């Protein structure tokens, strides 16, 4: 047991005659570790992208609601009357009459 630990600490398992098996295993584990790290970075990148897009959607929704409320205020009759008074137009005092057209058969 002690001898195995000393061999590992000294690194003799890497330079012995059958060390090719050990090197293959070490390379295999290293490649797996690199793949795992790359996958983790990719997942983190996607999480940050999702958070950024959610914030962008919130901002756009807020701008949409703000624009819709401004449009509602602009379409109100009281606002239209004020704008028309500035241009010199006033609402009629005489109520509108319905015009009926009789078709000739």
PDB file of N, CA and C in Angstrom:
ATOM      1  N   UNK A   1       0.834  -1.188   0.000  1.00  0.00           N
ATOM      2  CA  UNK A   1       0.000   0.000   0.000  1.00  0.00           C
ATOM      3  C   UNK A   1       0.878   1.250   0.000  1.00  0.00           C
ATOM      4  N   UNK A   2       1.862   1.272   0.912  1.00  0.00           N
ATOM      5  CA  UNK A   2       2.763   2.409   0.985  1.00  0.00           C
ATOM      6  C   UNK A   2       3.561   2.550  -0.308  1.00  0.00           C
ATOM      7  N   UNK A   3       3.969   1.407  -0.848  1.00  0.00           N
ATOM      8  CA  UNK A   3       4.776   1.415  -2.061  1.00  0.00           C
ATOM      9  C   UNK A   3       3.970   1.989  -3.232  1.00  0.00           C
ATOM     10  N   UNK A   4       2.697   1.640  -3.328  1.00  0.00           N
ATOM     11  CA  UNK A   4       1.832   2.163  -4.403  1.00  0.00           C
ATOM     12  C   UNK A   4       1.667   3.669  -4.293  1.00  0.00           C
ATOM     13  N   UNK A   5       1.514   4.155  -3.094  1.00  0.00           N
ATOM     14  CA  UNK A   5       1.359   5.605  -2.887  1.00  0.00           C
ATOM     15  C   UNK A   5       2.651   6.318  -3.267  1.00  0.00           C
ATOM     16  N   UNK A   6       3.802   5.758  -2.881  1.00  0.00           N
ATOM     17  CA  UNK A   6       5.086   6.367  -3.245  1.00  0.00           C
ATOM     18  C   UNK A   6       5.286   6.358  -4.756  1.00  0.00           C
ATOM     19  N   UNK A   7       4.881   5.278  -5.409  1.00  0.00           N
ATOM     20  CA  UNK A   7       5.009   5.192  -6.863  1.00  0.00           C
ATOM     21  C   UNK A   7       4.145   6.249  -7.553  1.00  0.00           C
ATOM     22  N   UNK A   8       2.965   6.466  -7.026  1.00  0.00           N
ATOM     23  CA  UNK A   8       2.076   7.487  -7.602  1.00  0.00           C
ATOM     24  C   UNK A   8       2.664   8.875  -7.391  1.00  0.00           C
ATOM     25  N   UNK A   9       3.152   9.138  -6.180  1.00  0.00           N
ATOM     26  CA  UNK A   9       3.730  10.449  -5.880  1.00  0.00           C
ATOM     27  C   UNK A   9       5.014  10.712  -6.681  1.00  0.00           C
ATOM     28  N   UNK A  10       5.809   9.697  -6.883  1.00  0.00           N
ATOM     29  CA  UNK A  10       7.038   9.859  -7.654  1.00  0.00           C
ATOM     30  C   UNK A  10       6.774   9.902  -9.151  1.00  0.00           C
ATOM     31  N   UNK A  11       5.663   9.362  -9.592  1.00  0.00           N
ATOM     32  CA  UNK A  11       5.328   9.354 -11.006  1.00  0.00           C
ATOM     33  C   UNK A  11       5.925   8.207 -11.770  1.00  0.00           C
ATOM     34  N   UNK A  12       6.299   7.146 -11.099  1.00  0.00           N
ATOM     35  CA  UNK A  12       6.900   6.013 -11.802  1.00  0.00           C
ATOM     36  C   UNK A  12       5.883   5.276 -12.665  1.00  0.00           C
ATOM     37  N   UNK A  13       4.608   5.430 -12.384  1.00  0.00           N
ATOM     38  CA  UNK A  13       3.589   4.760 -13.202  1.00  0.00           C
ATOM     39  C   UNK A  13       3.511   5.396 -14.596  1.00  0.00           C
ATOM     40  N   UNK A  14       4.095   6.597 -14.761  1.00  0.00           N
ATOM     41  CA  UNK A  14       4.084   7.243 -16.065  1.00  0.00           C
ATOM     42  C   UNK A  14       5.293   6.885 -16.927  1.00  0.00           C
ATOM     43  N   UNK A  15       6.353   6.379 -16.305  1.00  0.00           N
ATOM     44  CA  UNK A  15       7.570   6.072 -17.067  1.00  0.00           C
ATOM     45  C   UNK A  15       7.909   4.589 -17.077  1.00  0.00           C
ATOM     46  N   UNK A  16       7.081   3.769 -16.506  1.00  0.00           N
ATOM     47  CA  UNK A  16       7.355   2.323 -16.487  1.00  0.00           C
ATOM     48  C   UNK A  16       7.100   1.729 -17.872  1.00  0.00           C
ATOM     49  N   UNK A  17       7.352   0.433 -18.007  1.00  0.00           N
ATOM     50  CA  UNK A  17       7.229  -0.235 -19.302  1.00  0.00           C
ATOM     51  C   UNK A  17       5.789  -0.258 -19.823  1.00  0.00           C
ATOM     52  N   UNK A  18       4.822  -0.470 -18.951  1.00  0.00           N
ATOM     53  CA  UNK A  18       3.425  -0.533 -19.392  1.00  0.00           C
ATOM     54  C   UNK A  18       2.707   0.803 -19.156  1.00  0.00           C
ATOM     55  N   UNK A  19       3.430   1.886 -19.273  1.00  0.00           N
ATOM     56  CA  UNK A  19       2.847   3.202 -18.998  1.00  0.00           C
ATOM     57  C   UNK A  19       1.929   3.691 -20.128  1.00  0.00           C
ATOM     58  N   UNK A  20       1.972   3.043 -21.293  1.00  0.00           N
ATOM     59  CA  UNK A  20       1.122   3.472 -22.405  1.00  0.00           C
ATOM     60  C   UNK A  20      -0.349   3.420 -22.028  1.00  0.00           C
ATOM     61  N   UNK A  21      -0.770   2.397 -21.274  1.00  0.00           N
ATOM     62  CA  UNK A  21      -2.154   2.287 -20.810  1.00  0.00           C
ATOM     63  C   UNK A  21      -2.507   3.476 -19.925  1.00  0.00           C
ATOM     64  N   UNK A  22      -1.592   3.830 -19.046  1.00  0.00           N
ATOM     65  CA  UNK A  22      -1.841   4.940 -18.131  1.00  0.00           C
ATOM     66  C   UNK A  22      -1.961   6.266 -18.888  1.00  0.00           C
ATOM     67  N   UNK A  23      -1.081   6.461 -19.858  1.00  0.00           N
ATOM     68  CA  UNK A  23      -1.138   7.702 -20.628  1.00  0.00           C
ATOM     69  C   UNK A  23      -2.440   7.799 -21.424  1.00  0.00           C
ATOM     70  N   UNK A  24      -2.889   6.690 -21.991  1.00  0.00           N
ATOM     71  CA  UNK A  24      -4.164   6.707 -22.721  1.00  0.00           C
ATOM     72  C   UNK A  24      -5.313   7.088 -21.799  1.00  0.00           C
ATOM     73  N   UNK A  25      -5.318   6.505 -20.615  1.00  0.00           N
ATOM     74  CA  UNK A  25      -6.386   6.809 -19.657  1.00  0.00           C
ATOM     75  C   UNK A  25      -6.330   8.281 -19.230  1.00  0.00           C
ATOM     76  N   UNK A  26      -5.127   8.784 -18.978  1.00  0.00           N
ATOM     77  CA  UNK A  26      -4.988  10.183 -18.570  1.00  0.00           C
ATOM     78  C   UNK A  26      -5.448  11.120 -19.690  1.00  0.00           C
ATOM     79  N   UNK A  27      -5.094  10.818 -20.930  1.00  0.00           N
ATOM     80  CA  UNK A  27      -5.544  11.631 -22.057  1.00  0.00           C
ATOM     81  C   UNK A  27      -7.059  11.560 -22.220  1.00  0.00           C
ATOM     82  N   UNK A  28      -7.620  10.373 -22.034  1.00  0.00           N
ATOM     83  CA  UNK A  28      -9.065  10.209 -22.133  1.00  0.00           C
ATOM     84  C   UNK A  28      -9.782  11.049 -21.085  1.00  0.00           C
ATOM     85  N   UNK A  29      -9.313  10.998 -19.852  1.00  0.00           N
ATOM     86  CA  UNK A  29      -9.920  11.782 -18.772  1.00  0.00           C
ATOM     87  C   UNK A  29      -9.755  13.280 -19.035  1.00  0.00           C
ATOM     88  N   UNK A  30      -8.605  13.674 -19.571  1.00  0.00           N
ATOM     89  CA  UNK A  30      -8.369  15.091 -19.881  1.00  0.00           C
ATOM     90  C   UNK A  30      -9.327  15.586 -20.960  1.00  0.00           C
ATOM     91  N   UNK A  31      -9.517  14.789 -21.996  1.00  0.00           N
ATOM     92  CA  UNK A  31     -10.451  15.171 -23.064  1.00  0.00           C
ATOM     93  C   UNK A  31     -11.868  15.281 -22.519  1.00  0.00           C
ATOM     94  N   UNK A  32     -12.259  14.342 -21.679  1.00  0.00           N
ATOM     95  CA  UNK A  32     -13.592  14.415 -21.073  1.00  0.00           C
ATOM     96  C   UNK A  32     -13.745  15.676 -20.222  1.00  0.00           C
ATOM     97  N   UNK A  33     -12.709  16.035 -19.477  1.00  0.00           N
ATOM     98  CA  UNK A  33     -12.758  17.240 -18.650  1.00  0.00           C
ATOM     99  C   UNK A  33     -12.892  18.490 -19.521  1.00  0.00           C
ATOM    100  N   UNK A  34     -12.163  18.532 -20.622  1.00  0.00           N
ATOM    101  CA  UNK A  34     -12.245  19.681 -21.529  1.00  0.00           C
ATOM    102  C   UNK A  34     -13.645  19.786 -22.139  1.00  0.00           C
ATOM    103  N   UNK A  35     -14.212  18.654 -22.526  1.00  0.00           N
ATOM    104  CA  UNK A  35     -15.569  18.655 -23.082  1.00  0.00           C
ATOM    105  C   UNK A  35     -16.578  19.123 -22.039  1.00  0.00           C
ATOM    106  N   UNK A  36     -16.422  18.676 -20.811  1.00  0.00           N
ATOM    107  CA  UNK A  36     -17.333  19.078 -19.742  1.00  0.00           C
ATOM    108  C   UNK A  36     -17.240  20.586 -19.485  1.00  0.00           C
ATOM    109  N   UNK A  37     -16.051  21.128 -19.472  1.00  0.00           N
ATOM    110  CA  UNK A  37     -15.859  22.566 -19.245  1.00  0.00           C
ATOM    111  C   UNK A  37     -16.472  23.366 -20.392  1.00  0.00           C
ATOM    112  N   UNK A  38     -16.256  22.913 -21.617  1.00  0.00           N
ATOM    113  CA  UNK A  38     -16.830  23.608 -22.774  1.00  0.00           C
ATOM    114  C   UNK A  38     -18.356  23.577 -22.726  1.00  0.00           C
ATOM    115  N   UNK A  39     -18.911  22.453 -22.344  1.00  0.00           N
ATOM    116  CA  UNK A  39     -20.362  22.332 -22.238  1.00  0.00           C
ATOM    117  C   UNK A  39     -20.915  23.268 -21.169  1.00  0.00           C
ATOM    118  N   UNK A  40     -20.216  23.360 -20.062  1.00  0.00           N
ATOM    119  CA  UNK A  40     -20.631  24.250 -18.978  1.00  0.00           C
ATOM    120  C   UNK A  40     -20.606  25.710 -19.424  1.00  0.00           C
ATOM    121  N   UNK A  41     -19.556  26.099 -20.143  1.00  0.00           N
ATOM    122  CA  UNK A  41     -19.465  27.470 -20.643  1.00  0.00           C
ATOM    123  C   UNK A  41     -20.585  27.761 -21.641  1.00  0.00           C
ATOM    124  N   UNK A  42     -20.886  26.800 -22.473  1.00  0.00           N
ATOM    125  CA  UNK A  42     -21.954  26.973 -23.452  1.00  0.00           C
ATOM    126  C   UNK A  42     -23.301  27.146 -22.755  1.00  0.00           C
ATOM    127  N   UNK A  43     -23.555  26.357 -21.723  1.00  0.00           N
ATOM    128  CA  UNK A  43     -24.805  26.470 -20.983  1.00  0.00           C
ATOM    129  C   UNK A  43     -24.903  27.827 -20.290  1.00  0.00           C
ATOM    130  N   UNK A  44     -23.805  28.296 -19.691  1.00  0.00           N
ATOM    131  CA  UNK A  44     -23.809  29.607 -19.042  1.00  0.00           C
ATOM    132  C   UNK A  44     -24.076  30.718 -20.047  1.00  0.00           C
ATOM    133  N   UNK A  45     -23.483  30.597 -21.228  1.00  0.00           N
ATOM    134  CA  UNK A  45     -23.675  31.596 -22.270  1.00  0.00           C
ATOM    135  C   UNK A  45     -25.153  31.665 -22.670  1.00  0.00           C
ATOM    136  N   UNK A  46     -25.789  30.506 -22.789  1.00  0.00           N
ATOM    137  CA  UNK A  46     -27.202  30.471 -23.157  1.00  0.00           C
ATOM    138  C   UNK A  46     -28.069  31.066 -22.055  1.00  0.00           C
ATOM    139  N   UNK A  47     -27.731  30.820 -20.802  1.00  0.00           N
ATOM    140  CA  UNK A  47     -28.500  31.381 -19.687  1.00  0.00           C
ATOM    141  C   UNK A  47     -28.419  32.903 -19.706  1.00  0.00           C
ATOM    142  N   UNK A  48     -27.222  33.453 -19.943  1.00  0.00           N
ATOM    143  CA  UNK A  48     -27.069  34.912 -20.007  1.00  0.00           C
ATOM    144  C   UNK A  48     -27.847  35.484 -21.194  1.00  0.00           C
ATOM    145  N   UNK A  49     -27.844  34.790 -22.311  1.00  0.00           N
ATOM    146  CA  UNK A  49     -28.576  35.247 -23.488  1.00  0.00           C
ATOM    147  C   UNK A  49     -30.083  35.250 -23.213  1.00  0.00           C
ATOM    148  N   UNK A  50     -30.580  34.230 -22.535  1.00  0.00           N
ATOM    149  CA  UNK A  50     -32.000  34.162 -22.196  1.00  0.00           C
ATOM    150  C   UNK A  50     -32.373  35.305 -21.263  1.00  0.00           C
ATOM    151  N   UNK A  51     -31.545  35.593 -20.270  1.00  0.00           N
ATOM    152  CA  UNK A  51     -31.819  36.696 -19.343  1.00  0.00           C
ATOM    153  C   UNK A  51     -31.829  38.030 -20.084  1.00  0.00           C
ATOM    154  N   UNK A  52     -30.893  38.219 -21.020  1.00  0.00           N
ATOM    155  CA  UNK A  52     -30.848  39.469 -21.783  1.00  0.00           C
ATOM    156  C   UNK A  52     -32.100  39.626 -22.644  1.00  0.00           C
ATOM    157  N   UNK A  53     -32.531  38.534 -23.269  1.00  0.00           N
ATOM    158  CA  UNK A  53     -33.717  38.599 -24.109  1.00  0.00           C
ATOM    159  C   UNK A  53     -34.982  38.848 -23.283  1.00  0.00           C
ATOM    160  N   UNK A  54     -35.052  38.297 -22.076  1.00  0.00           N
ATOM    161  CA  UNK A  54     -36.208  38.554 -21.210  1.00  0.00           C
ATOM    162  C   UNK A  54     -36.280  40.026 -20.837  1.00  0.00           C
ATOM    163  N   UNK A  55     -35.131  40.635 -20.532  1.00  0.00           N
ATOM    164  CA  UNK A  55     -35.118  42.061 -20.212  1.00  0.00           C
ATOM    165  C   UNK A  55     -35.543  42.892 -21.425  1.00  0.00           C
ATOM    166  N   UNK A  56     -35.089  42.484 -22.598  1.00  0.00           N
ATOM    167  CA  UNK A  56     -35.465  43.198 -23.817  1.00  0.00           C
ATOM    168  C   UNK A  56     -36.961  43.100 -24.076  1.00  0.00           C
ATOM    169  N   UNK A  57     -37.542  41.929 -23.820  1.00  0.00           N
ATOM    170  CA  UNK A  57     -38.988  41.752 -24.002  1.00  0.00           C
ATOM    171  C   UNK A  57     -39.750  42.643 -23.021  1.00  0.00           C
ATOM    172  N   UNK A  58     -39.285  42.724 -21.776  1.00  0.00           N
ATOM    173  CA  UNK A  58     -39.946  43.589 -20.795  1.00  0.00           C
ATOM    174  C   UNK A  58     -39.911  45.044 -21.230  1.00  0.00           C
ATOM    175  N   UNK A  59     -38.761  45.496 -21.745  1.00  0.00           N
ATOM    176  CA  UNK A  59     -38.635  46.878 -22.204  1.00  0.00           C
ATOM    177  C   UNK A  59     -39.564  47.144 -23.385  1.00  0.00           C
ATOM    178  N   UNK A  60     -39.611  46.208 -24.327  1.00  0.00           N
ATOM    179  CA  UNK A  60     -40.473  46.395 -25.498  1.00  0.00           C
ATOM    180  C   UNK A  60     -41.948  46.394 -25.104  1.00  0.00           C
ATOM    181  N   UNK A  61     -42.331  45.530 -24.184  1.00  0.00           N
ATOM    182  CA  UNK A  61     -43.718  45.492 -23.730  1.00  0.00           C
ATOM    183  C   UNK A  61     -44.085  46.804 -23.046  1.00  0.00           C
ATOM    184  N   UNK A  62     -43.149  47.332 -22.253  1.00  0.00           N
ATOM    185  CA  UNK A  62     -43.385  48.608 -21.587  1.00  0.00           C
ATOM    186  C   UNK A  62     -43.546  49.734 -22.602  1.00  0.00           C
ATOM    187  N   UNK A  63     -42.702  49.755 -23.627  1.00  0.00           N
ATOM    188  CA  UNK A  63     -42.805  50.774 -24.672  1.00  0.00           C
ATOM    189  C   UNK A  63     -44.124  50.641 -25.431  1.00  0.00           C
ATOM    190  N   UNK A  64     -44.561  49.413 -25.683  1.00  0.00           N
ATOM    191  CA  UNK A  64     -45.834  49.186 -26.367  1.00  0.00           C
ATOM    192  C   UNK A  64     -46.997  49.718 -25.558  1.00  0.00           C
ATOM    193  N   UNK A  65     -47.016  49.421 -24.261  1.00  0.00           N
ATOM    194  CA  UNK A  65     -48.114  49.886 -23.400  1.00  0.00           C
ATOM    195  C   UNK A  65     -48.110  51.409 -23.326  1.00  0.00           C
ATOM    196  N   UNK A  66     -46.919  52.008 -23.241  1.00  0.00           N
ATOM    197  CA  UNK A  66     -46.808  53.459 -23.190  1.00  0.00           C
ATOM    198  C   UNK A  66     -47.325  54.089 -24.485  1.00  0.00           C
ATOM    199  N   UNK A  67     -46.944  53.528 -25.625  1.00  0.00           N
ATOM    200  CA  UNK A  67     -47.420  54.035 -26.912  1.00  0.00           C
ATOM    201  C   UNK A  67     -48.920  53.881 -27.070  1.00  0.00           C
ATOM    202  N   UNK A  68     -49.451  52.763 -26.608  1.00  0.00           N
ATOM    203  CA  UNK A  68     -50.898  52.541 -26.707  1.00  0.00           C
ATOM    204  C   UNK A  68     -51.663  53.535 -25.854  1.00  0.00           C
ATOM    205  N   UNK A  69     -51.159  53.849 -24.650  1.00  0.00           N
ATOM    206  CA  UNK A  69     -51.849  54.814 -23.796  1.00  0.00           C
ATOM    207  C   UNK A  69     -51.785  56.221 -24.391  1.00  0.00           C
ATOM    208  N   UNK A  70     -50.649  56.587 -25.025  1.00  0.00           N
ATOM    209  CA  UNK A  70     -50.558  57.892 -25.696  1.00  0.00           C
ATOM    210  C   UNK A  70     -51.554  57.972 -26.851  1.00  0.00           C
ATOM    211  N   UNK A  71     -51.669  56.893 -27.607  1.00  0.00           N
ATOM    212  CA  UNK A  71     -52.620  56.857 -28.715  1.00  0.00           C
ATOM    213  C   UNK A  71     -54.051  57.012 -28.213  1.00  0.00           C
ATOM    214  N   UNK A  72     -54.382  56.373 -27.115  1.00  0.00           N
ATOM    215  CA  UNK A  72     -55.732  56.492 -26.548  1.00  0.00           C
ATOM    216  C   UNK A  72     -56.026  57.947 -26.170  1.00  0.00           C
ATOM    217  N   UNK A  73     -55.029  58.625 -25.579  1.00  0.00           N
ATOM    218  CA  UNK A  73     -55.225  60.031 -25.202  1.00  0.00           C
ATOM    219  C   UNK A  73     -55.383  60.908 -26.448  1.00  0.00           C
ATOM    220  N   UNK A  74     -54.625  60.617 -27.515  1.00  0.00           N
ATOM    221  CA  UNK A  74     -54.715  61.419 -28.734  1.00  0.00           C
ATOM    222  C   UNK A  74     -56.047  61.223 -29.450  1.00  0.00           C
ATOM    223  N   UNK A  75     -56.658  60.061 -29.318  1.00  0.00           N
ATOM    224  CA  UNK A  75     -57.915  59.775 -30.000  1.00  0.00           C
ATOM    225  C   UNK A  75     -59.138  60.293 -29.251  1.00  0.00           C
ATOM    226  N   UNK A  76     -58.942  60.758 -28.028  1.00  0.00           N
ATOM    227  CA  UNK A  76     -60.087  61.242 -27.243  1.00  0.00           C
ATOM    228  C   UNK A  76     -60.684  62.486 -27.906  1.00  0.00           C
ATOM    229  N   UNK A  77     -62.006  62.612 -27.832  1.00  0.00           N
ATOM    230  CA  UNK A  77     -62.703  63.719 -28.483  1.00  0.00           C
ATOM    231  C   UNK A  77     -62.259  65.066 -27.925  1.00  0.00           C
ATOM    232  N   UNK A  78     -62.029  65.142 -26.627  1.00  0.00           N
ATOM    233  CA  UNK A  78     -61.625  66.414 -26.025  1.00  0.00           C
ATOM    234  C   UNK A  78     -60.275  66.878 -26.576  1.00  0.00           C
ATOM    235  N   UNK A  79     -59.377  65.965 -26.790  1.00  0.00           N
ATOM    236  CA  UNK A  79     -58.062  66.325 -27.344  1.00  0.00           C
ATOM    237  C   UNK A  79     -58.186  66.757 -28.801  1.00  0.00           C
ATOM    238  N   UNK A  80     -59.026  66.070 -29.564  1.00  0.00           N
ATOM    239  CA  UNK A  80     -59.226  66.425 -30.964  1.00  0.00           C
ATOM    240  C   UNK A  80     -59.835  67.823 -31.066  1.00  0.00           C
ATOM    241  N   UNK A  81     -60.783  68.150 -30.207  1.00  0.00           N
ATOM    242  CA  UNK A  81     -61.416  69.475 -30.211  1.00  0.00           C
ATOM    243  C   UNK A  81     -60.376  70.553 -29.924  1.00  0.00           C
ATOM    244  N   UNK A  82     -59.495  70.314 -28.962  1.00  0.00           N
ATOM    245  CA  UNK A  82     -58.461  71.296 -28.626  1.00  0.00           C
ATOM    246  C   UNK A  82     -57.520  71.516 -29.805  1.00  0.00           C
ATOM    247  N   UNK A  83     -57.106  70.464 -30.475  1.00  0.00           N
ATOM    248  CA  UNK A  83     -56.195  70.575 -31.617  1.00  0.00           C
ATOM    249  C   UNK A  83     -56.876  71.310 -32.772  1.00  0.00           C
ATOM    250  N   UNK A  84     -58.142  71.033 -32.991  1.00  0.00           N
ATOM    251  CA  UNK A  84     -58.867  71.693 -34.083  1.00  0.00           C
ATOM    252  C   UNK A  84     -59.090  73.173 -33.784  1.00  0.00           C
ATOM    253  N   UNK A  85     -59.295  73.544 -32.518  1.00  0.00           N
ATOM    254  CA  UNK A  85     -59.432  74.961 -32.155  1.00  0.00           C
ATOM    255  C   UNK A  85     -58.142  75.711 -32.446  1.00  0.00           C
ATOM    256  N   UNK A  86     -56.998  75.072 -32.226  1.00  0.00           N
ATOM    257  CA  UNK A  86     -55.715  75.700 -32.525  1.00  0.00           C
ATOM    258  C   UNK A  86     -55.565  75.964 -34.022  1.00  0.00           C
ATOM    259  N   UNK A  87     -56.185  75.131 -34.839  1.00  0.00           N
ATOM    260  CA  UNK A  87     -56.103  75.292 -36.294  1.00  0.00           C
ATOM    261  C   UNK A  87     -57.216  76.176 -36.836  1.00  0.00           C
ATOM    262  N   UNK A  88     -58.095  76.651 -35.964  1.00  0.00           N
ATOM    263  CA  UNK A  88     -59.160  77.563 -36.394  1.00  0.00           C
ATOM    264  C   UNK A  88     -60.467  76.870 -36.727  1.00  0.00           C
ATOM    265  N   UNK A  89     -60.615  75.639 -36.419  1.00  0.00           N
ATOM    266  CA  UNK A  89     -61.869  74.912 -36.665  1.00  0.00           C
ATOM    267  C   UNK A  89     -62.626  74.744 -35.357  1.00  0.00           C
ATOM    268  N   UNK A  90     -63.939  74.789 -35.454  1.00  0.00           N
ATOM    269  CA  UNK A  90     -64.764  74.598 -34.258  1.00  0.00           C
ATOM    270  C   UNK A  90     -65.837  73.572 -34.580  1.00  0.00           C
ATOM    271  N   UNK A  91     -66.409  72.976 -33.531  1.00  0.00           N
ATOM    272  CA  UNK A  91     -67.467  72.011 -33.781  1.00  0.00           C
ATOM    273  C   UNK A  91     -68.760  72.746 -34.135  1.00  0.00           C
ATOM    274  N   UNK A  92     -69.573  72.072 -34.897  1.00  0.00           N
ATOM    275  CA  UNK A  92     -70.818  72.657 -35.387  1.00  0.00           C
ATOM    276  C   UNK A  92     -71.844  72.743 -34.266  1.00  0.00           C
ATOM    277  N   UNK A  93     -72.634  73.839 -34.321  1.00  0.00           N
ATOM    278  CA  UNK A  93     -73.703  73.997 -33.325  1.00  0.00           C
ATOM    279  C   UNK A  93     -74.971  73.327 -33.835  1.00  0.00           C
ATOM    280  N   UNK A  94     -75.082  73.224 -35.147  1.00  0.00           N
ATOM    281  CA  UNK A  94     -76.260  72.597 -35.748  1.00  0.00           C
ATOM    282  C   UNK A  94     -76.006  71.093 -35.794  1.00  0.00           C
ATOM    283  N   UNK A  95     -76.959  70.318 -35.286  1.00  0.00           N
ATOM    284  CA  UNK A  95     -76.751  68.870 -35.307  1.00  0.00           C
ATOM    285  C   UNK A  95     -76.793  68.329 -36.739  1.00  0.00           C
ATOM    286  N   UNK A  96     -76.128  67.261 -36.999  1.00  0.00           N
ATOM    287  CA  UNK A  96     -76.115  66.697 -38.355  1.00  0.00           C
ATOM    288  C   UNK A  96     -77.467  66.099 -38.723  1.00  0.00           C
ATOM    289  N   UNK A  97     -77.749  66.141 -40.051  1.00  0.00           N
ATOM    290  CA  UNK A  97     -79.033  65.577 -40.537  1.00  0.00           C
ATOM    291  C   UNK A  97     -78.682  64.367 -41.388  1.00  0.00           C
ATOM    292  N   UNK A  98     -79.575  63.428 -41.379  1.00  0.00           N
ATOM    293  CA  UNK A  98     -79.390  62.219 -42.161  1.00  0.00           C
ATOM    294  C   UNK A  98     -79.921  62.479 -43.564  1.00  0.00           C
ATOM    295  N   UNK A  99     -79.144  62.126 -44.558  1.00  0.00           N
ATOM    296  CA  UNK A  99     -79.558  62.311 -45.960  1.00  0.00           C
ATOM    297  C   UNK A  99     -79.983  60.945 -46.476  1.00  0.00           C
ATOM    298  N   UNK A 100     -81.208  60.924 -46.990  1.00  0.00           N
ATOM    299  CA  UNK A 100     -81.735  59.680 -47.561  1.00  0.00           C
ATOM    300  C   UNK A 100     -81.809  59.824 -49.068  1.00  0.00           C
ATOM    301  N   UNK A 101     -81.264  58.871 -49.751  1.00  0.00           N
ATOM    302  CA  UNK A 101     -81.304  58.858 -51.212  1.00  0.00           C
ATOM    303  C   UNK A 101     -82.278  57.767 -51.654  1.00  0.00           C
ATOM    304  N   UNK A 102     -83.251  58.203 -52.457  1.00  0.00           N
ATOM    305  CA  UNK A 102     -84.228  57.227 -52.940  1.00  0.00           C
ATOM    306  C   UNK A 102     -83.773  56.736 -54.298  1.00  0.00           C
ATOM    307  N   UNK A 103     -83.722  55.462 -54.430  1.00  0.00           N
ATOM    308  CA  UNK A 103     -83.299  54.871 -55.700  1.00  0.00           C
ATOM    309  C   UNK A 103     -84.482  54.820 -56.649  1.00  0.00           C
ATOM    310  N   UNK A 104     -84.259  55.182 -57.907  1.00  0.00           N
ATOM    311  CA  UNK A 104     -85.318  55.109 -58.929  1.00  0.00           C
ATOM    312  C   UNK A 104     -85.285  53.725 -59.537  1.00  0.00           C
ATOM    313  N   UNK A 105     -86.444  53.110 -59.540  1.00  0.00           N
ATOM    314  CA  UNK A 105     -86.547  51.768 -60.127  1.00  0.00           C
ATOM    315  C   UNK A 105     -86.968  51.817 -61.543  1.00  0.00           C
TER     316      UNK A 105
END
